[in-house]
Amino acid sequence: FFAWQERRIHQKRLEGMKLAAKVIAGFVG
């Protein structure tokens, strides 16, 4: 979290199938 804050970049806000695909891949890992 703190390393991510240092980057000063926010994640893209996704919706629908793109968000579902991102979340599913994250949970698999």
PDB file of all heavy atoms in Angstrom:
ATOM      1  N   PHE A   1       0.837  -1.212   0.000  1.00  0.00           N
ATOM      2  CA  PHE A   1       0.000   0.000   0.000  1.00  0.00           C
ATOM      3  C   PHE A   1       0.869   1.258   0.000  1.00  0.00           C
ATOM      4  O   PHE A   1       0.652   2.166  -0.815  1.00  0.00           O
ATOM      5  CB  PHE A   1      -0.925   0.000   1.217  1.00  0.00           C
ATOM      6  CG  PHE A   1      -1.699   1.281   1.377  1.00  0.00           C
ATOM      7  CD1 PHE A   1      -2.863   1.506   0.646  1.00  0.00           C
ATOM      8  CD2 PHE A   1      -1.265   2.275   2.250  1.00  0.00           C
ATOM      9  CE1 PHE A   1      -3.573   2.689   0.788  1.00  0.00           C
ATOM     10  CE2 PHE A   1      -1.974   3.459   2.388  1.00  0.00           C
ATOM     11  CZ  PHE A   1      -3.135   3.668   1.651  1.00  0.00           C
ATOM     12  N   PHE A   2       1.844   1.303   0.907  1.00  0.00           N
ATOM     13  CA  PHE A   2       2.670   2.506   0.992  1.00  0.00           C
ATOM     14  C   PHE A   2       3.564   2.646  -0.244  1.00  0.00           C
ATOM     15  O   PHE A   2       3.824   3.761  -0.701  1.00  0.00           O
ATOM     16  CB  PHE A   2       3.507   2.490   2.266  1.00  0.00           C
ATOM     17  CG  PHE A   2       2.692   2.698   3.517  1.00  0.00           C
ATOM     18  CD1 PHE A   2       2.639   1.739   4.509  1.00  0.00           C
ATOM     19  CD2 PHE A   2       1.953   3.861   3.684  1.00  0.00           C
ATOM     20  CE1 PHE A   2       1.873   1.931   5.647  1.00  0.00           C
ATOM     21  CE2 PHE A   2       1.181   4.067   4.820  1.00  0.00           C
ATOM     22  CZ  PHE A   2       1.144   3.101   5.812  1.00  0.00           C
ATOM     23  N   ALA A   3       4.009   1.523  -0.806  1.00  0.00           N
ATOM     24  CA  ALA A   3       4.781   1.585  -2.045  1.00  0.00           C
ATOM     25  C   ALA A   3       3.913   2.118  -3.182  1.00  0.00           C
ATOM     26  O   ALA A   3       4.372   2.900  -4.024  1.00  0.00           O
ATOM     27  CB  ALA A   3       5.331   0.195  -2.396  1.00  0.00           C
ATOM     28  N   TRP A   4       2.644   1.690  -3.200  1.00  0.00           N
ATOM     29  CA  TRP A   4       1.726   2.165  -4.243  1.00  0.00           C
ATOM     30  C   TRP A   4       1.460   3.661  -4.102  1.00  0.00           C
ATOM     31  O   TRP A   4       1.381   4.382  -5.104  1.00  0.00           O
ATOM     32  CB  TRP A   4       0.423   1.381  -4.177  1.00  0.00           C
ATOM     33  CG  TRP A   4      -0.494   1.675  -5.332  1.00  0.00           C
ATOM     34  CD1 TRP A   4      -1.525   2.567  -5.365  1.00  0.00           C
ATOM     35  CD2 TRP A   4      -0.441   1.083  -6.626  1.00  0.00           C
ATOM     36  NE1 TRP A   4      -2.126   2.563  -6.587  1.00  0.00           N
ATOM     37  CE2 TRP A   4      -1.488   1.661  -7.387  1.00  0.00           C
ATOM     38  CE3 TRP A   4       0.373   0.113  -7.216  1.00  0.00           C
ATOM     39  CZ2 TRP A   4      -1.723   1.299  -8.718  1.00  0.00           C
ATOM     40  CZ3 TRP A   4       0.137  -0.246  -8.535  1.00  0.00           C
ATOM     41  CH2 TRP A   4      -0.893   0.344  -9.272  1.00  0.00           C
ATOM     42  N   GLN A   5       1.333   4.137  -2.871  1.00  0.00           N
ATOM     43  CA  GLN A   5       1.104   5.561  -2.656  1.00  0.00           C
ATOM     44  C   GLN A   5       2.285   6.392  -3.135  1.00  0.00           C
ATOM     45  O   GLN A   5       2.115   7.522  -3.612  1.00  0.00           O
ATOM     46  CB  GLN A   5       0.830   5.836  -1.174  1.00  0.00           C
ATOM     47  CG  GLN A   5      -0.441   5.211  -0.623  1.00  0.00           C
ATOM     48  CD  GLN A   5      -1.671   5.592  -1.414  1.00  0.00           C
ATOM     49  OE1 GLN A   5      -1.961   6.765  -1.636  1.00  0.00           O
ATOM     50  NE2 GLN A   5      -2.417   4.587  -1.856  1.00  0.00           N
ATOM     51  N   GLU A   6       3.489   5.854  -3.018  1.00  0.00           N
ATOM     52  CA  GLU A   6       4.677   6.568  -3.497  1.00  0.00           C
ATOM     53  C   GLU A   6       4.621   6.776  -5.005  1.00  0.00           C
ATOM     54  O   GLU A   6       5.173   7.753  -5.524  1.00  0.00           O
ATOM     55  CB  GLU A   6       5.943   5.790  -3.128  1.00  0.00           C
ATOM     56  CG  GLU A   6       6.263   5.760  -1.637  1.00  0.00           C
ATOM     57  CD  GLU A   6       6.694   7.119  -1.095  1.00  0.00           C
ATOM     58  OE1 GLU A   6       7.080   7.993  -1.903  1.00  0.00           O
ATOM     59  OE2 GLU A   6       6.603   7.315   0.130  1.00  0.00           O
ATOM     60  N   ARG A   7       3.971   5.867  -5.718  1.00  0.00           N
ATOM     61  CA  ARG A   7       3.887   5.980  -7.173  1.00  0.00           C
ATOM     62  C   ARG A   7       2.975   7.121  -7.591  1.00  0.00           C
ATOM     63  O   ARG A   7       3.076   7.619  -8.705  1.00  0.00           O
ATOM     64  CB  ARG A   7       3.351   4.673  -7.772  1.00  0.00           C
ATOM     65  CG  ARG A   7       4.277   3.480  -7.554  1.00  0.00           C
ATOM     66  CD  ARG A   7       3.655   2.204  -8.114  1.00  0.00           C
ATOM     67  NE  ARG A   7       3.709   2.161  -9.558  1.00  0.00           N
ATOM     68  CZ  ARG A   7       2.659   2.201 -10.370  1.00  0.00           C
ATOM     69  NH1 ARG A   7       1.444   2.307  -9.852  1.00  0.00           N
ATOM     70  NH2 ARG A   7       2.795   2.134 -11.675  1.00  0.00           N
ATOM     71  N   ARG A   8       2.047   7.506  -6.702  1.00  0.00           N
ATOM     72  CA  ARG A   8       1.123   8.616  -6.971  1.00  0.00           C
ATOM     73  C   ARG A   8       0.311   8.373  -8.241  1.00  0.00           C
ATOM     74  O   ARG A   8       0.013   9.283  -8.992  1.00  0.00           O
ATOM     75  CB  ARG A   8       1.875   9.945  -7.056  1.00  0.00           C
ATOM     76  CG  ARG A   8       2.711  10.256  -5.836  1.00  0.00           C
ATOM     77  CD  ARG A   8       3.427  11.585  -5.947  1.00  0.00           C
ATOM     78  NE  ARG A   8       2.492  12.687  -5.887  1.00  0.00           N
ATOM     79  CZ  ARG A   8       2.862  13.985  -5.908  1.00  0.00           C
ATOM     80  NH1 ARG A   8       4.138  14.301  -5.971  1.00  0.00           N
ATOM     81  NH2 ARG A   8       1.959  14.931  -5.860  1.00  0.00           N
ATOM     82  N   ILE A   9      -0.043   7.104  -8.469  1.00  0.00           N
ATOM     83  CA  ILE A   9      -0.854   6.733  -9.630  1.00  0.00           C
ATOM     84  C   ILE A   9      -2.059   5.947  -9.125  1.00  0.00           C
ATOM     85  O   ILE A   9      -1.913   5.028  -8.322  1.00  0.00           O
ATOM     86  CB  ILE A   9      -0.052   5.862 -10.618  1.00  0.00           C
ATOM     87  CG1 ILE A   9       1.167   6.644 -11.128  1.00  0.00           C
ATOM     88  CG2 ILE A   9      -0.932   5.434 -11.790  1.00  0.00           C
ATOM     89  CD1 ILE A   9       2.076   5.814 -12.013  1.00  0.00           C
ATOM     90  N   HIS A  10      -3.219   6.322  -9.595  1.00  0.00           N
ATOM     91  CA  HIS A  10      -4.439   5.619  -9.207  1.00  0.00           C
ATOM     92  C   HIS A  10      -4.786   4.563 -10.248  1.00  0.00           C
ATOM     93  O   HIS A  10      -4.525   4.732 -11.438  1.00  0.00           O
ATOM     94  CB  HIS A  10      -5.604   6.601  -9.053  1.00  0.00           C
ATOM     95  CG  HIS A  10      -5.419   7.578  -7.949  1.00  0.00           C
ATOM     96  ND1 HIS A  10      -5.498   7.229  -6.623  1.00  0.00           N
ATOM     97  CD2 HIS A  10      -5.137   8.910  -7.964  1.00  0.00           C
ATOM     98  CE1 HIS A  10      -5.280   8.298  -5.867  1.00  0.00           C
ATOM     99  NE2 HIS A  10      -5.063   9.326  -6.661  1.00  0.00           N
ATOM    100  N   GLN A  11      -5.367   3.478  -9.784  1.00  0.00           N
ATOM    101  CA  GLN A  11      -5.801   2.435 -10.701  1.00  0.00           C
ATOM    102  C   GLN A  11      -6.964   2.938 -11.549  1.00  0.00           C
ATOM    103  O   GLN A  11      -7.759   3.762 -11.123  1.00  0.00           O
ATOM    104  CB  GLN A  11      -6.248   1.196  -9.918  1.00  0.00           C
ATOM    105  CG  GLN A  11      -5.167   0.561  -9.074  1.00  0.00           C
ATOM    106  CD  GLN A  11      -5.705  -0.613  -8.293  1.00  0.00           C
ATOM    107  OE1 GLN A  11      -5.954  -1.680  -8.844  1.00  0.00           O
ATOM    108  NE2 GLN A  11      -5.898  -0.433  -6.991  1.00  0.00           N
ATOM    109  N   LYS A  12      -7.064   2.409 -12.748  1.00  0.00           N
ATOM    110  CA  LYS A  12      -8.178   2.751 -13.615  1.00  0.00           C
ATOM    111  C   LYS A  12      -9.464   2.181 -13.021  1.00  0.00           C
ATOM    112  O   LYS A  12      -9.488   1.047 -12.570  1.00  0.00           O
ATOM    113  CB  LYS A  12      -7.957   2.178 -15.011  1.00  0.00           C
ATOM    114  CG  LYS A  12      -6.774   2.797 -15.742  1.00  0.00           C
ATOM    115  CD  LYS A  12      -6.555   2.130 -17.093  1.00  0.00           C
ATOM    116  CE  LYS A  12      -5.341   2.718 -17.790  1.00  0.00           C
ATOM    117  NZ  LYS A  12      -5.061   2.039 -19.080  1.00  0.00           N
ATOM    118  N   ARG A  13     -10.506   2.973 -13.002  1.00  0.00           N
ATOM    119  CA  ARG A  13     -11.791   2.517 -12.483  1.00  0.00           C
ATOM    120  C   ARG A  13     -12.522   1.741 -13.581  1.00  0.00           C
ATOM    121  O   ARG A  13     -12.966   2.309 -14.572  1.00  0.00           O
ATOM    122  CB  ARG A  13     -12.637   3.713 -12.019  1.00  0.00           C
ATOM    123  CG  ARG A  13     -12.037   4.494 -10.847  1.00  0.00           C
ATOM    124  CD  ARG A  13     -12.001   3.644  -9.598  1.00  0.00           C
ATOM    125  NE  ARG A  13     -11.462   4.378  -8.471  1.00  0.00           N
ATOM    126  CZ  ARG A  13     -12.202   5.032  -7.583  1.00  0.00           C
ATOM    127  NH1 ARG A  13     -13.521   5.069  -7.710  1.00  0.00           N
ATOM    128  NH2 ARG A  13     -11.638   5.663  -6.564  1.00  0.00           N
ATOM    129  N   LEU A  14     -12.616   0.436 -13.412  1.00  0.00           N
ATOM    130  CA  LEU A  14     -13.251  -0.423 -14.395  1.00  0.00           C
ATOM    131  C   LEU A  14     -14.667  -0.786 -13.956  1.00  0.00           C
ATOM    132  O   LEU A  14     -14.994  -0.747 -12.780  1.00  0.00           O
ATOM    133  CB  LEU A  14     -12.429  -1.706 -14.586  1.00  0.00           C
ATOM    134  CG  LEU A  14     -10.971  -1.521 -15.009  1.00  0.00           C
ATOM    135  CD1 LEU A  14     -10.277  -2.868 -15.096  1.00  0.00           C
ATOM    136  CD2 LEU A  14     -10.861  -0.786 -16.336  1.00  0.00           C
ATOM    137  N   GLU A  15     -15.480  -1.164 -14.911  1.00  0.00           N
ATOM    138  CA  GLU A  15     -16.843  -1.599 -14.625  1.00  0.00           C
ATOM    139  C   GLU A  15     -17.164  -2.837 -15.454  1.00  0.00           C
ATOM    140  O   GLU A  15     -16.454  -3.179 -16.395  1.00  0.00           O
ATOM    141  CB  GLU A  15     -17.848  -0.474 -14.946  1.00  0.00           C
ATOM    142  CG  GLU A  15     -17.653   0.811 -14.160  1.00  0.00           C
ATOM    143  CD  GLU A  15     -17.947   0.662 -12.681  1.00  0.00           C
ATOM    144  OE1 GLU A  15     -18.651  -0.318 -12.322  1.00  0.00           O
ATOM    145  OE2 GLU A  15     -17.497   1.502 -11.892  1.00  0.00           O
ATOM    146  N   GLY A  16     -18.240  -3.503 -15.095  1.00  0.00           N
ATOM    147  CA  GLY A  16     -18.748  -4.604 -15.892  1.00  0.00           C
ATOM    148  C   GLY A  16     -17.782  -5.755 -16.048  1.00  0.00           C
ATOM    149  O   GLY A  16     -17.106  -6.175 -15.109  1.00  0.00           O
ATOM    150  N   MET A  17     -17.683  -6.278 -17.274  1.00  0.00           N
ATOM    151  CA  MET A  17     -16.883  -7.453 -17.552  1.00  0.00           C
ATOM    152  C   MET A  17     -15.394  -7.202 -17.351  1.00  0.00           C
ATOM    153  O   MET A  17     -14.660  -8.107 -16.937  1.00  0.00           O
ATOM    154  CB  MET A  17     -17.143  -7.934 -18.980  1.00  0.00           C
ATOM    155  CG  MET A  17     -18.547  -8.470 -19.211  1.00  0.00           C
ATOM    156  SD  MET A  17     -18.939  -9.864 -18.096  1.00  0.00           S
ATOM    157  CE  MET A  17     -17.737 -11.069 -18.627  1.00  0.00           C
ATOM    158  N   LYS A  18     -14.933  -5.999 -17.633  1.00  0.00           N
ATOM    159  CA  LYS A  18     -13.515  -5.697 -17.441  1.00  0.00           C
ATOM    160  C   LYS A  18     -13.150  -5.778 -15.965  1.00  0.00           C
ATOM    161  O   LYS A  18     -12.095  -6.317 -15.600  1.00  0.00           O
ATOM    162  CB  LYS A  18     -13.187  -4.312 -17.996  1.00  0.00           C
ATOM    163  CG  LYS A  18     -13.211  -4.235 -19.506  1.00  0.00           C
ATOM    164  CD  LYS A  18     -12.782  -2.856 -19.996  1.00  0.00           C
ATOM    165  CE  LYS A  18     -12.754  -2.809 -21.524  1.00  0.00           C
ATOM    166  NZ  LYS A  18     -12.326  -1.474 -22.017  1.00  0.00           N
ATOM    167  N   LEU A  19     -14.007  -5.236 -15.099  1.00  0.00           N
ATOM    168  CA  LEU A  19     -13.765  -5.314 -13.656  1.00  0.00           C
ATOM    169  C   LEU A  19     -13.828  -6.765 -13.194  1.00  0.00           C
ATOM    170  O   LEU A  19     -12.983  -7.207 -12.402  1.00  0.00           O
ATOM    171  CB  LEU A  19     -14.795  -4.477 -12.903  1.00  0.00           C
ATOM    172  CG  LEU A  19     -14.734  -4.564 -11.369  1.00  0.00           C
ATOM    173  CD1 LEU A  19     -13.386  -4.089 -10.855  1.00  0.00           C
ATOM    174  CD2 LEU A  19     -15.876  -3.763 -10.734  1.00  0.00           C
ATOM    175  N   ALA A  20     -14.821  -7.512 -13.690  1.00  0.00           N
ATOM    176  CA  ALA A  20     -14.968  -8.914 -13.297  1.00  0.00           C
ATOM    177  C   ALA A  20     -13.731  -9.717 -13.684  1.00  0.00           C
ATOM    178  O   ALA A  20     -13.225 -10.524 -12.891  1.00  0.00           O
ATOM    179  CB  ALA A  20     -16.214  -9.511 -13.954  1.00  0.00           C
ATOM    180  N   ALA A  21     -13.215  -9.486 -14.888  1.00  0.00           N
ATOM    181  CA  ALA A  21     -12.028 -10.208 -15.346  1.00  0.00           C
ATOM    182  C   ALA A  21     -10.818  -9.863 -14.486  1.00  0.00           C
ATOM    183  O   ALA A  21     -10.029 -10.740 -14.116  1.00  0.00           O
ATOM    184  CB  ALA A  21     -11.752  -9.868 -16.813  1.00  0.00           C
ATOM    185  N   LYS A  22     -10.673  -8.579 -14.139  1.00  0.00           N
ATOM    186  CA  LYS A  22      -9.546  -8.152 -13.303  1.00  0.00           C
ATOM    187  C   LYS A  22      -9.630  -8.789 -11.921  1.00  0.00           C
ATOM    188  O   LYS A  22      -8.628  -9.301 -11.404  1.00  0.00           O
ATOM    189  CB  LYS A  22      -9.552  -6.626 -13.174  1.00  0.00           C
ATOM    190  CG  LYS A  22      -8.445  -6.086 -12.269  1.00  0.00           C
ATOM    191  CD  LYS A  22      -8.523  -4.574 -12.131  1.00  0.00           C
ATOM    192  CE  LYS A  22      -7.418  -4.061 -11.205  1.00  0.00           C
ATOM    193  NZ  LYS A  22      -7.474  -2.592 -11.027  1.00  0.00           N
ATOM    194  N   VAL A  23     -10.806  -8.763 -11.321  1.00  0.00           N
ATOM    195  CA  VAL A  23     -10.979  -9.298  -9.971  1.00  0.00           C
ATOM    196  C   VAL A  23     -10.767 -10.812  -9.954  1.00  0.00           C
ATOM    197  O   VAL A  23     -10.097 -11.348  -9.059  1.00  0.00           O
ATOM    198  CB  VAL A  23     -12.373  -8.930  -9.431  1.00  0.00           C
ATOM    199  CG1 VAL A  23     -12.669  -9.695  -8.145  1.00  0.00           C
ATOM    200  CG2 VAL A  23     -12.462  -7.424  -9.176  1.00  0.00           C
ATOM    201  N   ILE A  24     -11.336 -11.513 -10.934  1.00  0.00           N
ATOM    202  CA  ILE A  24     -11.201 -12.974 -10.974  1.00  0.00           C
ATOM    203  C   ILE A  24      -9.726 -13.369 -11.112  1.00  0.00           C
ATOM    204  O   ILE A  24      -9.237 -14.258 -10.396  1.00  0.00           O
ATOM    205  CB  ILE A  24     -12.023 -13.563 -12.132  1.00  0.00           C
ATOM    206  CG1 ILE A  24     -13.524 -13.424 -11.837  1.00  0.00           C
ATOM    207  CG2 ILE A  24     -11.663 -15.033 -12.361  1.00  0.00           C
ATOM    208  CD1 ILE A  24     -14.425 -13.788 -12.998  1.00  0.00           C
ATOM    209  N   ALA A  25      -8.998 -12.702 -11.999  1.00  0.00           N
ATOM    210  CA  ALA A  25      -7.573 -13.007 -12.174  1.00  0.00           C
ATOM    211  C   ALA A  25      -6.801 -12.727 -10.887  1.00  0.00           C
ATOM    212  O   ALA A  25      -5.897 -13.489 -10.508  1.00  0.00           O
ATOM    213  CB  ALA A  25      -7.001 -12.189 -13.333  1.00  0.00           C
ATOM    214  N   GLY A  26      -7.169 -11.644 -10.206  1.00  0.00           N
ATOM    215  CA  GLY A  26      -6.498 -11.310  -8.944  1.00  0.00           C
ATOM    216  C   GLY A  26      -6.731 -12.354  -7.876  1.00  0.00           C
ATOM    217  O   GLY A  26      -5.800 -12.742  -7.156  1.00  0.00           O
ATOM    218  N   PHE A  27      -7.961 -12.843  -7.798  1.00  0.00           N
ATOM    219  CA  PHE A  27      -8.287 -13.852  -6.782  1.00  0.00           C
ATOM    220  C   PHE A  27      -7.646 -15.203  -7.109  1.00  0.00           C
ATOM    221  O   PHE A  27      -7.314 -15.961  -6.205  1.00  0.00           O
ATOM    222  CB  PHE A  27      -9.795 -14.001  -6.641  1.00  0.00           C
ATOM    223  CG  PHE A  27     -10.428 -12.943  -5.783  1.00  0.00           C
ATOM    224  CD1 PHE A  27     -11.580 -12.299  -6.182  1.00  0.00           C
ATOM    225  CD2 PHE A  27      -9.856 -12.597  -4.561  1.00  0.00           C
ATOM    226  CE1 PHE A  27     -12.159 -11.319  -5.385  1.00  0.00           C
ATOM    227  CE2 PHE A  27     -10.429 -11.620  -3.759  1.00  0.00           C
ATOM    228  CZ  PHE A  27     -11.574 -10.977  -4.174  1.00  0.00           C
ATOM    229  N   VAL A  28      -7.482 -15.506  -8.394  1.00  0.00           N
ATOM    230  CA  VAL A  28      -6.787 -16.736  -8.768  1.00  0.00           C
ATOM    231  C   VAL A  28      -5.350 -16.697  -8.256  1.00  0.00           C
ATOM    232  O   VAL A  28      -4.855 -17.660  -7.644  1.00  0.00           O
ATOM    233  CB  VAL A  28      -6.807 -16.947 -10.297  1.00  0.00           C
ATOM    234  CG1 VAL A  28      -5.865 -18.087 -10.694  1.00  0.00           C
ATOM    235  CG2 VAL A  28      -8.225 -17.255 -10.774  1.00  0.00           C
ATOM    236  N   GLY A  29      -4.671 -15.573  -8.482  1.00  0.00           N
ATOM    237  CA  GLY A  29      -3.303 -15.424  -7.987  1.00  0.00           C
ATOM    238  C   GLY A  29      -3.237 -15.477  -6.477  1.00  0.00           C
ATOM    239  O   GLY A  29      -2.348 -16.126  -5.911  1.00  0.00           O
TER     240      GLY A  29
END
